[in-house]
Protein backbone atom coordinates (compact mmCIF):
# COMPACT_ATOMS: atom_id res chain seq x y z
CA MET A 1 137.65 115.07 79.29
CA ARG A 2 134.25 116.63 80.57
CA THR A 3 134.11 113.58 82.91
CA LEU A 4 137.53 114.65 84.56
CA VAL A 5 135.97 118.12 85.09
CA LEU A 6 133.32 116.91 86.44
CA ALA A 7 134.62 114.65 88.57
CA LEU A 8 137.66 117.58 89.45
CA SER A 9 134.91 119.87 90.17
CA LEU A 10 132.96 117.23 92.77
CA SER A 11 135.68 116.22 94.05
CA ILE A 12 136.98 119.21 95.35
CA GLY A 13 133.41 121.09 96.52
CA GLY A 14 130.44 119.25 96.97
CA HIS A 15 127.53 119.50 94.54
CA GLN A 16 127.31 121.15 90.59
CA GLY A 17 125.40 124.52 91.67
CA GLY A 18 126.51 126.56 93.25
CA ASP A 19 129.09 129.53 92.15
CA ARG A 20 132.61 127.79 93.53
CA TRP A 21 136.28 128.45 92.51
CA LEU A 22 136.28 125.11 90.57
CA ALA A 23 134.21 124.31 88.78
CA PRO A 24 133.15 123.10 84.68
CA ASP A 25 131.92 126.66 84.08
CA LYS A 26 134.73 128.41 84.94
CA LEU A 27 136.62 126.34 82.65
CA LYS A 28 134.53 127.08 80.14
CA HIS A 29 135.03 131.41 81.58
CA PHE A 30 138.99 130.53 81.27
CA PHE A 31 139.12 129.07 77.92
CA MET A 32 136.48 130.97 76.00
CA SER A 33 138.06 134.23 77.21
CA ALA A 34 142.03 133.29 75.78
CA PHE A 35 139.76 131.59 72.16
CA ILE A 36 137.98 135.78 72.07
CA GLU A 37 141.44 136.92 72.59
CA SER A 38 142.76 135.06 70.19
CA ALA A 39 140.18 135.59 67.43
CA SER A 40 140.53 139.04 68.23
CA TYR A 41 144.15 139.62 68.11
CA SER A 42 143.88 137.35 64.69
CA ALA A 43 141.40 139.25 63.09
CA LEU A 44 143.16 142.76 63.71
CA ARG A 45 146.49 141.79 62.60
CA ALA A 46 144.86 140.55 59.73
CA THR A 47 143.95 144.15 58.75
CA ARG A 48 147.65 145.42 59.66
CA VAL A 49 147.16 146.51 63.19
CA ASP A 50 150.64 146.64 65.31
CA ARG A 51 151.18 143.46 67.18
CA HIS A 52 151.21 145.59 70.43
CA ASP A 53 147.92 147.26 69.26
CA ALA A 54 146.52 143.96 68.40
CA LEU A 55 147.28 142.07 71.74
CA VAL A 56 145.91 145.16 73.96
CA SER A 57 143.18 145.61 71.76
CA ALA A 58 142.09 142.14 71.57
CA ALA A 59 142.87 141.56 75.85
CA GLY A 60 140.17 144.43 76.06
CA ILE A 61 137.81 143.09 73.42
CA ALA A 62 138.42 139.48 76.12
CA VAL A 63 137.56 141.08 79.37
CA SER A 64 134.63 143.27 77.88
CA VAL A 65 132.62 140.15 76.61
CA GLY A 66 133.37 138.45 79.81
CA LEU A 67 132.24 141.92 81.77
CA ALA A 68 128.93 142.07 78.96
CA LYS A 69 127.81 138.49 80.30
CA GLU A 70 128.23 138.78 84.09
CA LEU A 71 126.51 142.05 83.74
CA HIS A 72 123.83 140.52 81.59
CA ASP A 73 123.77 137.66 84.44
CA SER A 74 123.15 139.89 86.69
CA ARG A 75 119.55 140.38 85.36
CA THR A 76 118.76 136.99 85.49
CA GLN A 77 118.44 134.29 88.15
CA GLU A 78 122.21 133.39 87.44
CA GLY A 79 123.60 136.48 89.09
CA PHE A 80 126.61 138.13 88.12
CA SER A 81 129.58 136.04 89.91
CA ALA A 82 133.02 137.94 90.75
CA ARG A 83 134.96 134.43 90.00
CA ASP A 84 133.50 133.97 86.77
CA LEU A 85 134.68 137.34 85.92
CA THR A 86 138.20 136.54 87.97
CA TRP A 87 138.63 133.43 85.73
CA ASP A 88 137.92 135.22 82.49
CA VAL A 89 140.70 137.39 83.27
CA ALA A 90 143.02 134.39 83.96
CA GLY A 91 141.91 133.09 80.73
CA THR A 92 142.91 136.64 78.79
CA ALA A 93 145.98 136.94 80.96
CA VAL A 94 147.07 132.93 79.79
CA GLY A 95 146.38 133.84 76.25
CA ALA A 96 148.02 137.09 75.96
CA ALA A 97 150.98 135.25 77.28
CA PHE A 98 150.98 132.99 74.40
CA LEU A 99 150.16 135.67 71.83
CA THR A 100 152.84 137.95 72.66
CA HIS A 101 155.43 134.35 72.51
CA ALA A 102 153.84 133.78 69.75
CA GLN A 103 155.35 134.07 66.07
């Protein structure tokens, strides 16, 4: 899978460095946000939080973690990336769609 992602990113836009829209790093942001939302939702539901409230809170947690990461990166050589944050939000949205339809 990693080889496929690397090949896709190289075929889309040159070298591995830089802040491209499609890169292995962006997939990590997407899937990690979906995972954080899912884990948060599960933890909230385990404490008997209502489904809707748990979903909204879990989405807020996932986006907050992504934003905190970008604020941290803004203080390092990596720099703030709106593209990374966009992928975080996309992962959160897809995660929410799955959780909405889960029983």
